[in-house]
Protein backbone atom coordinates (compact mmCIF):
# COMPACT_ATOMS: atom_id res chain seq x y z
CA MET A 1 11.10 0.37 -15.48
CA PRO A 2 9.51 -2.89 -14.24
CA ASP A 3 6.00 -4.06 -15.05
CA GLU A 4 5.44 -5.36 -11.49
CA LEU A 5 6.61 -4.48 -7.97
CA TYR A 6 6.36 -6.21 -4.64
CA VAL A 7 4.23 -4.29 -2.14
CA ARG A 8 3.79 -5.08 1.57
CA VAL A 9 0.23 -4.60 2.85
CA PRO A 10 -1.70 -5.62 5.99
CA ASP A 11 -2.95 -9.23 5.80
CA ASP A 12 -6.65 -8.36 5.68
CA LEU A 13 -6.09 -5.90 2.83
CA ALA A 14 -4.23 -8.62 0.91
CA ARG A 15 -7.34 -10.80 1.05
CA ASP A 16 -9.41 -7.96 -0.45
CA LEU A 17 -6.80 -7.37 -3.15
CA ASP A 18 -6.91 -11.05 -4.11
CA GLU A 19 -10.53 -10.49 -5.20
CA GLU A 20 -9.18 -7.82 -7.59
CA GLY A 21 -6.71 -10.27 -9.12
CA ILE A 22 -3.69 -8.84 -7.25
CA GLU A 23 -1.98 -11.98 -6.03
CA GLU A 24 -0.49 -12.65 -2.63
CA VAL A 25 3.15 -13.73 -2.83
CA GLU A 26 4.13 -14.38 0.80
CA GLN A 27 3.24 -13.54 4.38
CA VAL A 28 5.78 -11.76 6.56
CA ARG A 29 5.72 -12.04 10.32
CA SER A 30 7.73 -8.87 10.77
CA LEU A 31 6.72 -5.24 10.72
CA ASP A 32 10.22 -4.23 9.62
CA TRP A 33 9.46 -4.07 5.92
CA LEU A 34 12.74 -2.27 5.20
CA SER A 35 14.64 -5.44 6.04
CA GLN A 36 12.54 -7.32 3.50
CA SER A 37 12.68 -7.30 -0.30
CA ALA A 38 9.59 -5.19 -1.05
CA PRO A 39 10.30 -1.65 -2.25
CA ILE A 40 6.86 -0.37 -1.16
CA ALA A 41 4.88 -0.79 2.06
CA VAL A 42 1.36 0.32 2.95
CA SER A 43 0.72 0.42 6.68
CA VAL A 44 -1.88 1.62 9.13
CA VAL A 45 -0.18 3.88 11.66
CA GLY A 46 -0.63 2.72 15.25
CA VAL A 47 -2.02 -0.69 14.32
CA ALA A 48 0.16 -3.77 14.58
CA ALA A 49 -0.46 -6.18 11.75
CA ASN A 50 1.35 -8.91 9.95
CA LEU A 51 2.23 -7.92 6.44
CA THR A 52 1.66 -9.82 3.24
CA THR A 53 3.56 -9.27 0.03
CA VAL A 54 1.48 -8.80 -3.08
CA LEU A 55 2.69 -8.42 -6.63
CA LEU A 56 1.34 -5.18 -8.05
CA ALA A 57 1.29 -4.83 -11.82
CA LYS A 58 1.82 -1.37 -13.26
CA ASP A 59 -1.55 -1.56 -15.02
CA SER A 60 -3.29 -2.36 -11.68
CA ILE A 61 -2.20 0.74 -9.75
CA ALA A 62 -5.57 2.52 -10.05
CA ARG A 63 -7.50 -0.61 -9.00
CA PHE A 64 -5.12 -1.07 -6.07
CA ALA A 65 -5.63 2.53 -4.88
CA GLN A 66 -9.43 2.27 -5.21
CA ARG A 67 -9.52 -1.03 -3.30
CA LEU A 68 -7.27 0.40 -0.59
CA ALA A 69 -9.62 3.39 -0.22
CA SER A 70 -12.63 1.07 0.04
CA TRP A 71 -10.86 -1.15 2.58
CA ALA A 72 -9.85 1.86 4.71
CA ALA A 73 -13.37 3.33 4.64
CA GLY A 74 -14.77 -0.05 5.73
CA ARG A 75 -12.40 -0.22 8.67
CA THR A 76 -13.38 3.24 9.91
CA ARG A 77 -17.11 2.49 9.58
CA THR A 78 -16.76 -0.33 12.10
CA ALA A 79 -15.33 2.04 14.74
CA PRO A 80 -17.40 5.23 14.89
CA GLY A 81 -15.35 8.37 15.50
CA SER A 82 -12.13 6.68 14.52
CA VAL A 83 -9.51 7.99 12.13
CA LEU A 84 -7.31 5.60 10.20
CA THR A 85 -3.88 6.92 9.21
CA ILE A 86 -2.48 5.15 6.17
CA ARG A 87 1.17 5.54 5.35
CA PHE A 88 2.89 4.67 2.08
CA ASP A 89 6.65 4.16 2.24
CA ALA A 90 8.87 3.53 -0.76
CA GLN A 91 12.53 2.71 -0.88
CA GLY A 92 14.24 4.98 -3.36
CA PRO A 93 16.62 3.92 -6.10
CA ASP A 94 19.64 5.01 -4.05
CA GLU A 95 20.94 3.18 -0.99
CA GLY A 96 19.13 4.44 2.10
CA SER A 97 16.77 6.80 0.29
CA ARG A 98 13.10 6.63 1.19
CA SER A 99 9.94 8.63 0.59
CA SER A 100 6.53 8.48 2.20
CA ILE A 101 3.07 9.99 2.15
CA VAL A 102 0.32 9.86 4.76
CA ALA A 103 -3.47 10.05 4.41
CA GLU A 104 -6.15 10.09 7.08
CA VAL A 105 -9.46 8.34 6.57
CA SER A 106 -12.31 9.07 8.97
CA ALA A 107 -15.63 7.36 9.49
CA ALA A 108 -17.35 10.63 8.60
CA GLY A 109 -16.34 10.55 4.96
CA ALA A 110 -14.63 8.66 2.22
CA LEU A 111 -11.31 9.61 0.71
CA SER A 112 -11.39 12.28 -1.91
CA GLU A 113 -10.50 11.57 -5.50
CA ALA A 114 -7.51 13.88 -4.96
CA ASP A 115 -6.20 11.60 -2.17
CA ILE A 116 -6.64 8.52 -4.34
CA ALA A 117 -4.90 10.29 -7.23
CA ARG A 118 -2.01 11.17 -4.88
CA TRP A 119 -1.67 7.49 -3.91
CA THR A 120 -1.75 6.48 -7.56
CA SER A 121 0.95 9.02 -8.44
CA PHE A 122 3.13 7.87 -5.53
CA LEU A 123 2.88 4.24 -6.64
CA ALA A 124 3.51 5.12 -10.31
CA ALA A 125 6.64 7.03 -9.29
CA ALA A 126 7.90 3.94 -7.44
CA PHE A 127 7.70 2.01 -10.71
CA THR A 128 9.67 4.73 -12.50
CA ASP A 129 12.36 4.67 -9.80
CA ARG A 130 12.93 0.90 -9.95
CA ARG A 131 15.00 -1.10 -12.38
CA ASP A 132 13.34 -4.49 -11.86
CA ALA A 133 10.55 -6.02 -9.78
CA THR A 134 12.71 -8.06 -7.43
CA SER A 135 15.29 -5.50 -6.36
């Protein structure tokens, strides 16, 4: 099980994560994250965005999930009545296998602790399923 994994996130989220000490590795001008080397992608459904690769340490998963929740809540506050659908995709350990989870964030309320815990569990499982950080 690796100590770090590459994760693709929207560019503006990557800037927020940098403040948390989660470093940007590279920018990707493609939305086809499956053709790239990152085993995990976080995307906003229905919103085109360039992706940035960050290197997520296993001991930073909880901070990552909290920062993502804060970022998502901030985006919905700027557009009253909007709902932001966040999707996590992870490539599985076997060729062609993939799993995903989806969460909706509305301007009316923040994400529940249960949603954040689900994100954290999903990310932790991705670490368990991987042999090394660069595969």
